[in-house]
Amino acid sequence: MISVILQCVDLKAFERRLTEYVSSLSYTTTRWRIILSLSALFATFGAWGVIIDDHVSILQSLWYHKLFTLSCCNLLVLFMMGIHRRVFAPSIILSRTRIVLQDYNMSCDEV
């Protein structure tokens, strides 16, 4: 009887800690999503200028449209730094937790 109560307390503590950790990630995840969205938006607007350029070589077009060039370089650097993992960190953590809990015939719902 006491072991069942202790297991329940441990599971509640695990649930609280997991909820706390995922909640703390929401601020940084939101920040990285905004950075990624702005970079993609700038690249899109810059691409429009490159597309409507007539009779210019690709290197000259990249030189004339610095917004597009810088935003593409920025996106490349962000993806090399692993922004895709930072944006989806809470879902990655929850999916890995589900995999581990399945071994013990347990499950966790979205936090």
PDB file of N, CA and C in Angstrom:
ATOM      1  N   MET A   1       0.824  -1.185   0.000  1.00  0.00           N
ATOM      2  CA  MET A   1       0.000   0.000   0.000  1.00  0.00           C
ATOM      3  C   MET A   1       0.873   1.256   0.000  1.00  0.00           C
ATOM      4  N   ILE A   2       1.904   1.259   0.814  1.00  0.00           N
ATOM      5  CA  ILE A   2       2.787   2.423   0.899  1.00  0.00           C
ATOM      6  C   ILE A   2       3.558   2.594  -0.411  1.00  0.00           C
ATOM      7  N   SER A   3       3.968   1.490  -1.042  1.00  0.00           N
ATOM      8  CA  SER A   3       4.712   1.593  -2.296  1.00  0.00           C
ATOM      9  C   SER A   3       3.840   2.178  -3.404  1.00  0.00           C
ATOM     10  N   VAL A   4       2.549   1.865  -3.402  1.00  0.00           N
ATOM     11  CA  VAL A   4       1.630   2.429  -4.397  1.00  0.00           C
ATOM     12  C   VAL A   4       1.516   3.938  -4.195  1.00  0.00           C
ATOM     13  N   ILE A   5       1.423   4.367  -2.953  1.00  0.00           N
ATOM     14  CA  ILE A   5       1.326   5.797  -2.650  1.00  0.00           C
ATOM     15  C   ILE A   5       2.614   6.509  -3.063  1.00  0.00           C
ATOM     16  N   LEU A   6       3.770   5.881  -2.790  1.00  0.00           N
ATOM     17  CA  LEU A   6       5.044   6.472  -3.170  1.00  0.00           C
ATOM     18  C   LEU A   6       5.181   6.558  -4.690  1.00  0.00           C
ATOM     19  N   GLN A   7       4.712   5.543  -5.394  1.00  0.00           N
ATOM     20  CA  GLN A   7       4.754   5.578  -6.854  1.00  0.00           C
ATOM     21  C   GLN A   7       3.874   6.698  -7.392  1.00  0.00           C
ATOM     22  N   CYS A   8       2.725   6.871  -6.773  1.00  0.00           N
ATOM     23  CA  CYS A   8       1.817   7.940  -7.201  1.00  0.00           C
ATOM     24  C   CYS A   8       2.452   9.309  -6.974  1.00  0.00           C
ATOM     25  N   VAL A   9       3.112   9.468  -5.848  1.00  0.00           N
ATOM     26  CA  VAL A   9       3.779  10.734  -5.536  1.00  0.00           C
ATOM     27  C   VAL A   9       4.916  10.972  -6.524  1.00  0.00           C
ATOM     28  N   ASP A  10       5.679   9.917  -6.845  1.00  0.00           N
ATOM     29  CA  ASP A  10       6.765  10.057  -7.814  1.00  0.00           C
ATOM     30  C   ASP A  10       6.245  10.423  -9.192  1.00  0.00           C
ATOM     31  N   LEU A  11       5.156   9.798  -9.597  1.00  0.00           N
ATOM     32  CA  LEU A  11       4.587  10.106 -10.905  1.00  0.00           C
ATOM     33  C   LEU A  11       4.062  11.536 -10.967  1.00  0.00           C
ATOM     34  N   LYS A  12       3.447  11.987  -9.884  1.00  0.00           N
ATOM     35  CA  LYS A  12       2.963  13.374  -9.841  1.00  0.00           C
ATOM     36  C   LYS A  12       4.135  14.358  -9.890  1.00  0.00           C
ATOM     37  N   ALA A  13       5.217  14.032  -9.191  1.00  0.00           N
ATOM     38  CA  ALA A  13       6.391  14.899  -9.211  1.00  0.00           C
ATOM     39  C   ALA A  13       7.015  14.930 -10.610  1.00  0.00           C
ATOM     40  N   PHE A  14       7.062  13.774 -11.264  1.00  0.00           N
ATOM     41  CA  PHE A  14       7.576  13.702 -12.633  1.00  0.00           C
ATOM     42  C   PHE A  14       6.702  14.528 -13.569  1.00  0.00           C
ATOM     43  N   GLU A  15       5.400  14.411 -13.415  1.00  0.00           N
ATOM     44  CA  GLU A  15       4.470  15.164 -14.258  1.00  0.00           C
ATOM     45  C   GLU A  15       4.626  16.668 -14.052  1.00  0.00           C
ATOM     46  N   ARG A  16       4.750  17.091 -12.797  1.00  0.00           N
ATOM     47  CA  ARG A  16       4.932  18.513 -12.511  1.00  0.00           C
ATOM     48  C   ARG A  16       6.243  19.031 -13.104  1.00  0.00           C
ATOM     49  N   ARG A  17       7.303  18.246 -12.955  1.00  0.00           N
ATOM     50  CA  ARG A  17       8.610  18.662 -13.465  1.00  0.00           C
ATOM     51  C   ARG A  17       8.605  18.732 -14.992  1.00  0.00           C
ATOM     52  N   LEU A  18       7.975  17.770 -15.643  1.00  0.00           N
ATOM     53  CA  LEU A  18       7.889  17.783 -17.098  1.00  0.00           C
ATOM     54  C   LEU A  18       7.067  18.977 -17.578  1.00  0.00           C
ATOM     55  N   THR A  19       5.972  19.245 -16.914  1.00  0.00           N
ATOM     56  CA  THR A  19       5.138  20.400 -17.259  1.00  0.00           C
ATOM     57  C   THR A  19       5.914  21.698 -17.058  1.00  0.00           C
ATOM     58  N   GLU A  20       6.634  21.789 -15.970  1.00  0.00           N
ATOM     59  CA  GLU A  20       7.432  22.989 -15.680  1.00  0.00           C
ATOM     60  C   GLU A  20       8.510  23.192 -16.739  1.00  0.00           C
ATOM     61  N   TYR A  21       9.172  22.121 -17.126  1.00  0.00           N
ATOM     62  CA  TYR A  21      10.263  22.225 -18.097  1.00  0.00           C
ATOM     63  C   TYR A  21       9.742  22.634 -19.476  1.00  0.00           C
ATOM     64  N   VAL A  22       8.659  22.013 -19.912  1.00  0.00           N
ATOM     65  CA  VAL A  22       8.091  22.359 -21.215  1.00  0.00           C
ATOM     66  C   VAL A  22       7.550  23.789 -21.196  1.00  0.00           C
ATOM     67  N   SER A  23       6.978  24.216 -20.096  1.00  0.00           N
ATOM     68  CA  SER A  23       6.490  25.595 -19.988  1.00  0.00           C
ATOM     69  C   SER A  23       7.633  26.598 -20.034  1.00  0.00           C
ATOM     70  N   SER A  24       8.764  26.247 -19.439  1.00  0.00           N
ATOM     71  CA  SER A  24       9.901  27.160 -19.461  1.00  0.00           C
ATOM     72  C   SER A  24      10.503  27.272 -20.854  1.00  0.00           C
ATOM     73  N   LEU A  25      10.305  26.255 -21.684  1.00  0.00           N
ATOM     74  CA  LEU A  25      10.816  26.311 -23.046  1.00  0.00           C
ATOM     75  C   LEU A  25       9.968  27.190 -23.959  1.00  0.00           C
ATOM     76  N   SER A  26       8.763  27.512 -23.554  1.00  0.00           N
ATOM     77  CA  SER A  26       7.854  28.235 -24.450  1.00  0.00           C
ATOM     78  C   SER A  26       8.379  29.628 -24.804  1.00  0.00           C
ATOM     79  N   TYR A  27       9.034  30.306 -23.870  1.00  0.00           N
ATOM     80  CA  TYR A  27       9.562  31.649 -24.152  1.00  0.00           C
ATOM     81  C   TYR A  27      10.654  31.586 -25.211  1.00  0.00           C
ATOM     82  N   THR A  28      11.627  30.699 -25.027  1.00  0.00           N
ATOM     83  CA  THR A  28      12.722  30.617 -25.992  1.00  0.00           C
ATOM     84  C   THR A  28      12.251  30.061 -27.326  1.00  0.00           C
ATOM     85  N   THR A  29      11.309  29.127 -27.285  1.00  0.00           N
ATOM     86  CA  THR A  29      10.771  28.580 -28.525  1.00  0.00           C
ATOM     87  C   THR A  29      10.050  29.658 -29.314  1.00  0.00           C
ATOM     88  N   THR A  30       9.282  30.491 -28.641  1.00  0.00           N
ATOM     89  CA  THR A  30       8.573  31.581 -29.308  1.00  0.00           C
ATOM     90  C   THR A  30       9.561  32.569 -29.917  1.00  0.00           C
ATOM     91  N   ARG A  31      10.609  32.867 -29.194  1.00  0.00           N
ATOM     92  CA  ARG A  31      11.624  33.795 -29.695  1.00  0.00           C
ATOM     93  C   ARG A  31      12.282  33.250 -30.959  1.00  0.00           C
ATOM     94  N   TRP A  32      12.663  31.958 -30.958  1.00  0.00           N
ATOM     95  CA  TRP A  32      13.287  31.361 -32.132  1.00  0.00           C
ATOM     96  C   TRP A  32      12.315  31.266 -33.302  1.00  0.00           C
ATOM     97  N   ARG A  33      11.025  31.044 -33.025  1.00  0.00           N
ATOM     98  CA  ARG A  33      10.026  31.006 -34.099  1.00  0.00           C
ATOM     99  C   ARG A  33       9.876  32.378 -34.746  1.00  0.00           C
ATOM    100  N   ILE A  34       9.923  33.432 -33.949  1.00  0.00           N
ATOM    101  CA  ILE A  34       9.831  34.783 -34.493  1.00  0.00           C
ATOM    102  C   ILE A  34      11.055  35.091 -35.354  1.00  0.00           C
ATOM    103  N   ILE A  35      12.231  34.721 -34.878  1.00  0.00           N
ATOM    104  CA  ILE A  35      13.461  34.957 -35.644  1.00  0.00           C
ATOM    105  C   ILE A  35      13.416  34.207 -36.971  1.00  0.00           C
ATOM    106  N   LEU A  36      12.999  32.956 -36.935  1.00  0.00           N
ATOM    107  CA  LEU A  36      12.910  32.162 -38.167  1.00  0.00           C
ATOM    108  C   LEU A  36      11.865  32.733 -39.115  1.00  0.00           C
ATOM    109  N   SER A  37      10.729  33.151 -38.589  1.00  0.00           N
ATOM    110  CA  SER A  37       9.669  33.720 -39.434  1.00  0.00           C
ATOM    111  C   SER A  37      10.120  35.019 -40.091  1.00  0.00           C
ATOM    112  N   LEU A  38      10.772  35.886 -39.333  1.00  0.00           N
ATOM    113  CA  LEU A  38      11.255  37.146 -39.898  1.00  0.00           C
ATOM    114  C   LEU A  38      12.318  36.907 -40.964  1.00  0.00           C
ATOM    115  N   SER A  39      13.219  35.981 -40.715  1.00  0.00           N
ATOM    116  CA  SER A  39      14.249  35.676 -41.706  1.00  0.00           C
ATOM    117  C   SER A  39      13.637  35.127 -42.983  1.00  0.00           C
ATOM    118  N   ALA A  40      12.665  34.245 -42.849  1.00  0.00           N
ATOM    119  CA  ALA A  40      11.993  33.701 -44.032  1.00  0.00           C
ATOM    120  C   ALA A  40      11.201  34.777 -44.757  1.00  0.00           C
ATOM    121  N   LEU A  41      10.581  35.685 -44.019  1.00  0.00           N
ATOM    122  CA  LEU A  41       9.823  36.770 -44.628  1.00  0.00           C
ATOM    123  C   LEU A  41      10.735  37.712 -45.404  1.00  0.00           C
ATOM    124  N   PHE A  42      11.879  38.067 -44.826  1.00  0.00           N
ATOM    125  CA  PHE A  42      12.836  38.914 -45.525  1.00  0.00           C
ATOM    126  C   PHE A  42      13.373  38.230 -46.767  1.00  0.00           C
ATOM    127  N   ALA A  43      13.634  36.938 -46.683  1.00  0.00           N
ATOM    128  CA  ALA A  43      14.107  36.195 -47.858  1.00  0.00           C
ATOM    129  C   ALA A  43      13.044  36.179 -48.948  1.00  0.00           C
ATOM    130  N   THR A  44      11.793  36.058 -48.561  1.00  0.00           N
ATOM    131  CA  THR A  44      10.699  36.052 -49.535  1.00  0.00           C
ATOM    132  C   THR A  44      10.577  37.405 -50.227  1.00  0.00           C
ATOM    133  N   PHE A  45      10.606  38.489 -49.446  1.00  0.00           N
ATOM    134  CA  PHE A  45      10.529  39.819 -50.046  1.00  0.00           C
ATOM    135  C   PHE A  45      11.749  40.107 -50.920  1.00  0.00           C
ATOM    136  N   GLY A  46      12.910  39.669 -50.471  1.00  0.00           N
ATOM    137  CA  GLY A  46      14.117  39.852 -51.276  1.00  0.00           C
ATOM    138  C   GLY A  46      14.082  39.033 -52.552  1.00  0.00           C
ATOM    139  N   ALA A  47      13.491  37.852 -52.490  1.00  0.00           N
ATOM    140  CA  ALA A  47      13.402  36.995 -53.677  1.00  0.00           C
ATOM    141  C   ALA A  47      12.533  37.643 -54.741  1.00  0.00           C
ATOM    142  N   TRP A  48      11.518  38.382 -54.329  1.00  0.00           N
ATOM    143  CA  TRP A  48      10.666  39.050 -55.307  1.00  0.00           C
ATOM    144  C   TRP A  48      11.483  40.040 -56.147  1.00  0.00           C
ATOM    145  N   GLY A  49      12.378  40.769 -55.511  1.00  0.00           N
ATOM    146  CA  GLY A  49      13.232  41.700 -56.247  1.00  0.00           C
ATOM    147  C   GLY A  49      14.177  40.983 -57.191  1.00  0.00           C
ATOM    148  N   VAL A  50      14.677  39.841 -56.788  1.00  0.00           N
ATOM    149  CA  VAL A  50      15.574  39.066 -57.645  1.00  0.00           C
ATOM    150  C   VAL A  50      14.803  38.510 -58.838  1.00  0.00           C
ATOM    151  N   ILE A  51      13.585  38.078 -58.610  1.00  0.00           N
ATOM    152  CA  ILE A  51      12.786  37.471 -59.678  1.00  0.00           C
ATOM    153  C   ILE A  51      12.416  38.497 -60.755  1.00  0.00           C
ATOM    154  N   ILE A  52      12.061  39.706 -60.344  1.00  0.00           N
ATOM    155  CA  ILE A  52      11.614  40.693 -61.334  1.00  0.00           C
ATOM    156  C   ILE A  52      12.772  41.421 -62.017  1.00  0.00           C
ATOM    157  N   ASP A  53      14.009  41.149 -61.640  1.00  0.00           N
ATOM    158  CA  ASP A  53      15.172  41.733 -62.293  1.00  0.00           C
ATOM    159  C   ASP A  53      15.301  41.173 -63.706  1.00  0.00           C
ATOM    160  N   ASP A  54      15.479  42.048 -64.675  1.00  0.00           N
ATOM    161  CA  ASP A  54      15.614  41.611 -66.063  1.00  0.00           C
ATOM    162  C   ASP A  54      17.045  41.776 -66.557  1.00  0.00           C
ATOM    163  N   HIS A  55      17.487  40.821 -67.332  1.00  0.00           N
ATOM    164  CA  HIS A  55      18.762  40.891 -68.052  1.00  0.00           C
ATOM    165  C   HIS A  55      19.953  41.171 -67.153  1.00  0.00           C
ATOM    166  N   VAL A  56      19.968  40.572 -66.013  1.00  0.00           N
ATOM    167  CA  VAL A  56      21.088  40.738 -65.094  1.00  0.00           C
ATOM    168  C   VAL A  56      21.561  39.343 -64.700  1.00  0.00           C
ATOM    169  N   SER A  57      22.872  39.158 -64.631  1.00  0.00           N
ATOM    170  CA  SER A  57      23.382  37.845 -64.228  1.00  0.00           C
ATOM    171  C   SER A  57      23.041  37.598 -62.760  1.00  0.00           C
ATOM    172  N   ILE A  58      23.137  36.353 -62.356  1.00  0.00           N
ATOM    173  CA  ILE A  58      22.747  35.992 -60.988  1.00  0.00           C
ATOM    174  C   ILE A  58      23.667  36.646 -59.957  1.00  0.00           C
ATOM    175  N   LEU A  59      24.954  36.757 -60.263  1.00  0.00           N
ATOM    176  CA  LEU A  59      25.872  37.395 -59.315  1.00  0.00           C
ATOM    177  C   LEU A  59      25.589  38.894 -59.181  1.00  0.00           C
ATOM    178  N   GLN A  60      25.293  39.545 -60.302  1.00  0.00           N
ATOM    179  CA  GLN A  60      24.943  40.967 -60.232  1.00  0.00           C
ATOM    180  C   GLN A  60      23.629  41.160 -59.478  1.00  0.00           C
ATOM    181  N   SER A  61      22.690  40.249 -59.711  1.00  0.00           N
ATOM    182  CA  SER A  61      21.406  40.337 -59.018  1.00  0.00           C
ATOM    183  C   SER A  61      21.579  40.170 -57.514  1.00  0.00           C
ATOM    184  N   LEU A  62      22.438  39.231 -57.106  1.00  0.00           N
ATOM    185  CA  LEU A  62      22.707  39.053 -55.675  1.00  0.00           C
ATOM    186  C   LEU A  62      23.406  40.270 -55.096  1.00  0.00           C
ATOM    187  N   TRP A  63      24.252  40.917 -55.876  1.00  0.00           N
ATOM    188  CA  TRP A  63      24.950  42.107 -55.401  1.00  0.00           C
ATOM    189  C   TRP A  63      23.985  43.287 -55.262  1.00  0.00           C
ATOM    190  N   TYR A  64      23.044  43.415 -56.193  1.00  0.00           N
ATOM    191  CA  TYR A  64      22.089  44.520 -56.149  1.00  0.00           C
ATOM    192  C   TYR A  64      21.025  44.331 -55.067  1.00  0.00           C
ATOM    193  N   HIS A  65      20.676  43.112 -54.788  1.00  0.00           N
ATOM    194  CA  HIS A  65      19.615  42.824 -53.813  1.00  0.00           C
ATOM    195  C   HIS A  65      20.238  42.256 -52.540  1.00  0.00           C
ATOM    196  N   LYS A  66      20.775  43.146 -51.748  1.00  0.00           N
ATOM    197  CA  LYS A  66      21.490  42.739 -50.541  1.00  0.00           C
ATOM    198  C   LYS A  66      20.567  42.157 -49.472  1.00  0.00           C
ATOM    199  N   LEU A  67      19.305  42.597 -49.453  1.00  0.00           N
ATOM    200  CA  LEU A  67      18.352  42.041 -48.488  1.00  0.00           C
ATOM    201  C   LEU A  67      18.191  40.541 -48.704  1.00  0.00           C
ATOM    202  N   PHE A  68      18.024  40.145 -49.947  1.00  0.00           N
ATOM    203  CA  PHE A  68      17.877  38.734 -50.265  1.00  0.00           C
ATOM    204  C   PHE A  68      19.150  37.961 -49.925  1.00  0.00           C
ATOM    205  N   THR A  69      20.279  38.498 -50.302  1.00  0.00           N
ATOM    206  CA  THR A  69      21.553  37.817 -50.061  1.00  0.00           C
ATOM    207  C   THR A  69      21.803  37.652 -48.566  1.00  0.00           C
ATOM    208  N   LEU A  70      21.621  38.720 -47.799  1.00  0.00           N
ATOM    209  CA  LEU A  70      21.863  38.646 -46.357  1.00  0.00           C
ATOM    210  C   LEU A  70      20.852  37.743 -45.647  1.00  0.00           C
ATOM    211  N   SER A  71      19.597  37.796 -46.056  1.00  0.00           N
ATOM    212  CA  SER A  71      18.596  36.948 -45.400  1.00  0.00           C
ATOM    213  C   SER A  71      18.811  35.474 -45.737  1.00  0.00           C
ATOM    214  N   CYS A  72      19.243  35.171 -46.954  1.00  0.00           N
ATOM    215  CA  CYS A  72      19.558  33.768 -47.283  1.00  0.00           C
ATOM    216  C   CYS A  72      20.766  33.280 -46.493  1.00  0.00           C
ATOM    217  N   CYS A  73      21.774  34.132 -46.374  1.00  0.00           N
ATOM    218  CA  CYS A  73      22.938  33.762 -45.551  1.00  0.00           C
ATOM    219  C   CYS A  73      22.526  33.587 -44.097  1.00  0.00           C
ATOM    220  N   ASN A  74      21.650  34.466 -43.629  1.00  0.00           N
ATOM    221  CA  ASN A  74      21.152  34.374 -42.254  1.00  0.00           C
ATOM    222  C   ASN A  74      20.396  33.059 -42.037  1.00  0.00           C
ATOM    223  N   LEU A  75      19.523  32.688 -42.987  1.00  0.00           N
ATOM    224  CA  LEU A  75      18.795  31.422 -42.873  1.00  0.00           C
ATOM    225  C   LEU A  75      19.744  30.235 -42.877  1.00  0.00           C
ATOM    226  N   LEU A  76      20.761  30.289 -43.711  1.00  0.00           N
ATOM    227  CA  LEU A  76      21.747  29.205 -43.763  1.00  0.00           C
ATOM    228  C   LEU A  76      22.462  29.055 -42.423  1.00  0.00           C
ATOM    229  N   VAL A  77      22.877  30.179 -41.855  1.00  0.00           N
ATOM    230  CA  VAL A  77      23.558  30.142 -40.547  1.00  0.00           C
ATOM    231  C   VAL A  77      22.618  29.635 -39.454  1.00  0.00           C
ATOM    232  N   LEU A  78      21.371  30.099 -39.484  1.00  0.00           N
ATOM    233  CA  LEU A  78      20.410  29.662 -38.468  1.00  0.00           C
ATOM    234  C   LEU A  78      20.176  28.156 -38.529  1.00  0.00           C
ATOM    235  N   PHE A  79      20.043  27.607 -39.723  1.00  0.00           N
ATOM    236  CA  PHE A  79      19.835  26.168 -39.829  1.00  0.00           C
ATOM    237  C   PHE A  79      21.087  25.386 -39.473  1.00  0.00           C
ATOM    238  N   MET A  80      22.258  25.951 -39.739  1.00  0.00           N
ATOM    239  CA  MET A  80      23.503  25.286 -39.322  1.00  0.00           C
ATOM    240  C   MET A  80      23.639  25.299 -37.797  1.00  0.00           C
ATOM    241  N   MET A  81      23.096  26.344 -37.146  1.00  0.00           N
ATOM    242  CA  MET A  81      23.123  26.418 -35.687  1.00  0.00           C
ATOM    243  C   MET A  81      22.079  25.513 -35.045  1.00  0.00           C
ATOM    244  N   GLY A  82      21.147  24.995 -35.835  1.00  0.00           N
ATOM    245  CA  GLY A  82      20.151  24.082 -35.305  1.00  0.00           C
ATOM    246  C   GLY A  82      18.870  24.750 -34.866  1.00  0.00           C
ATOM    247  N   ILE A  83      18.448  25.790 -35.581  1.00  0.00           N
ATOM    248  CA  ILE A  83      17.220  26.476 -35.199  1.00  0.00           C
ATOM    249  C   ILE A  83      16.018  25.554 -35.315  1.00  0.00           C
ATOM    250  N   HIS A  84      16.077  24.595 -36.235  1.00  0.00           N
ATOM    251  CA  HIS A  84      14.948  23.680 -36.396  1.00  0.00           C
ATOM    252  C   HIS A  84      14.751  22.822 -35.153  1.00  0.00           C
ATOM    253  N   ARG A  85      15.817  22.501 -34.454  1.00  0.00           N
ATOM    254  CA  ARG A  85      15.685  21.749 -33.194  1.00  0.00           C
ATOM    255  C   ARG A  85      15.175  22.649 -32.071  1.00  0.00           C
ATOM    256  N   ARG A  86      15.579  23.904 -32.086  1.00  0.00           N
ATOM    257  CA  ARG A  86      15.138  24.832 -31.036  1.00  0.00           C
ATOM    258  C   ARG A  86      13.675  25.210 -31.185  1.00  0.00           C
ATOM    259  N   VAL A  87      13.209  25.282 -32.411  1.00  0.00           N
ATOM    260  CA  VAL A  87      11.813  25.636 -32.649  1.00  0.00           C
ATOM    261  C   VAL A  87      10.890  24.506 -32.213  1.00  0.00           C
ATOM    262  N   PHE A  88      11.320  23.262 -32.445  1.00  0.00           N
ATOM    263  CA  PHE A  88      10.477  22.112 -32.134  1.00  0.00           C
ATOM    264  C   PHE A  88      10.910  21.382 -30.861  1.00  0.00           C
ATOM    265  N   ALA A  89      11.659  22.033 -29.988  1.00  0.00           N
ATOM    266  CA  ALA A  89      12.177  21.389 -28.777  1.00  0.00           C
ATOM    267  C   ALA A  89      11.091  20.791 -27.880  1.00  0.00           C
ATOM    268  N   PRO A  90      10.006  21.501 -27.564  1.00  0.00           N
ATOM    269  CA  PRO A  90       8.997  20.894 -26.685  1.00  0.00           C
ATOM    270  C   PRO A  90       8.372  19.626 -27.270  1.00  0.00           C
ATOM    271  N   SER A  91       8.089  19.631 -28.557  1.00  0.00           N
ATOM    272  CA  SER A  91       7.490  18.436 -29.154  1.00  0.00           C
ATOM    273  C   SER A  91       8.486  17.285 -29.215  1.00  0.00           C
ATOM    274  N   ILE A  92       9.763  17.582 -29.406  1.00  0.00           N
ATOM    275  CA  ILE A  92      10.789  16.539 -29.408  1.00  0.00           C
ATOM    276  C   ILE A  92      10.897  15.916 -28.027  1.00  0.00           C
ATOM    277  N   ILE A  93      10.912  16.742 -26.992  1.00  0.00           N
ATOM    278  CA  ILE A  93      11.013  16.240 -25.620  1.00  0.00           C
ATOM    279  C   ILE A  93       9.809  15.377 -25.275  1.00  0.00           C
ATOM    280  N   LEU A  94       8.615  15.846 -25.636  1.00  0.00           N
ATOM    281  CA  LEU A  94       7.406  15.076 -25.327  1.00  0.00           C
ATOM    282  C   LEU A  94       7.356  13.758 -26.093  1.00  0.00           C
ATOM    283  N   SER A  95       7.787  13.765 -27.341  1.00  0.00           N
ATOM    284  CA  SER A  95       7.758  12.511 -28.103  1.00  0.00           C
ATOM    285  C   SER A  95       8.762  11.508 -27.546  1.00  0.00           C
ATOM    286  N   ARG A  96       9.916  11.969 -27.136  1.00  0.00           N
ATOM    287  CA  ARG A  96      10.906  11.055 -26.549  1.00  0.00           C
ATOM    288  C   ARG A  96      10.434  10.542 -25.189  1.00  0.00           C
ATOM    289  N   THR A  97       9.748  11.384 -24.444  1.00  0.00           N
ATOM    290  CA  THR A  97       9.201  10.950 -23.154  1.00  0.00           C
ATOM    291  C   THR A  97       8.133   9.887 -23.370  1.00  0.00           C
ATOM    292  N   ARG A  98       7.304  10.061 -24.390  1.00  0.00           N
ATOM    293  CA  ARG A  98       6.287   9.047 -24.707  1.00  0.00           C
ATOM    294  C   ARG A  98       6.922   7.705 -25.046  1.00  0.00           C
ATOM    295  N   ILE A  99       8.006   7.746 -25.806  1.00  0.00           N
ATOM    296  CA  ILE A  99       8.689   6.506 -26.192  1.00  0.00           C
ATOM    297  C   ILE A  99       9.210   5.777 -24.962  1.00  0.00           C
ATOM    298  N   VAL A 100       9.804   6.519 -24.034  1.00  0.00           N
ATOM    299  CA  VAL A 100      10.333   5.900 -22.818  1.00  0.00           C
ATOM    300  C   VAL A 100       9.200   5.368 -21.946  1.00  0.00           C
ATOM    301  N   LEU A 101       8.115   6.139 -21.826  1.00  0.00           N
ATOM    302  CA  LEU A 101       7.001   5.719 -20.976  1.00  0.00           C
ATOM    303  C   LEU A 101       6.250   4.525 -21.552  1.00  0.00           C
ATOM    304  N   GLN A 102       6.296   4.323 -22.857  1.00  0.00           N
ATOM    305  CA  GLN A 102       5.650   3.156 -23.452  1.00  0.00           C
ATOM    306  C   GLN A 102       6.280   1.855 -22.976  1.00  0.00           C
ATOM    307  N   ASP A 103       7.568   1.890 -22.678  1.00  0.00           N
ATOM    308  CA  ASP A 103       8.241   0.694 -22.154  1.00  0.00           C
ATOM    309  C   ASP A 103       7.675   0.267 -20.813  1.00  0.00           C
ATOM    310  N   TYR A 104       7.090   1.201 -20.087  1.00  0.00           N
ATOM    311  CA  TYR A 104       6.514   0.919 -18.769  1.00  0.00           C
ATOM    312  C   TYR A 104       4.985   0.902 -18.793  1.00  0.00           C
ATOM    313  N   ASN A 105       4.411   0.772 -19.989  1.00  0.00           N
ATOM    314  CA  ASN A 105       2.962   0.782 -20.167  1.00  0.00           C
ATOM    315  C   ASN A 105       2.311   2.030 -19.555  1.00  0.00           C
ATOM    316  N   MET A 106       2.964   3.157 -19.769  1.00  0.00           N
ATOM    317  CA  MET A 106       2.454   4.433 -19.283  1.00  0.00           C
ATOM    318  C   MET A 106       2.358   5.375 -20.482  1.00  0.00           C
ATOM    319  N   SER A 107       1.644   6.455 -20.308  1.00  0.00           N
ATOM    320  CA  SER A 107       1.549   7.443 -21.380  1.00  0.00           C
ATOM    321  C   SER A 107       1.509   8.840 -20.779  1.00  0.00           C
ATOM    322  N   CYS A 108       1.796   9.810 -21.616  1.00  0.00           N
ATOM    323  CA  CYS A 108       1.654  11.199 -21.178  1.00  0.00           C
ATOM    324  C   CYS A 108       0.895  11.949 -22.255  1.00  0.00           C
ATOM    325  N   ASP A 109       0.003  12.799 -21.826  1.00  0.00           N
ATOM    326  CA  ASP A 109      -0.770  13.611 -22.735  1.00  0.00           C
ATOM    327  C   ASP A 109       0.001  14.880 -23.032  1.00  0.00           C
ATOM    328  N   GLU A 110      -0.505  15.651 -23.981  1.00  0.00           N
ATOM    329  CA  GLU A 110       0.128  16.938 -24.266  1.00  0.00           C
ATOM    330  C   GLU A 110       0.118  17.793 -23.014  1.00  0.00           C
ATOM    331  N   VAL A 111       1.240  18.417 -22.756  1.00  0.00           N
ATOM    332  CA  VAL A 111       1.374  19.235 -21.547  1.00  0.00           C
ATOM    333  C   VAL A 111       0.975  20.643 -21.856  1.00  0.00           C
TER     334      VAL A 111
END
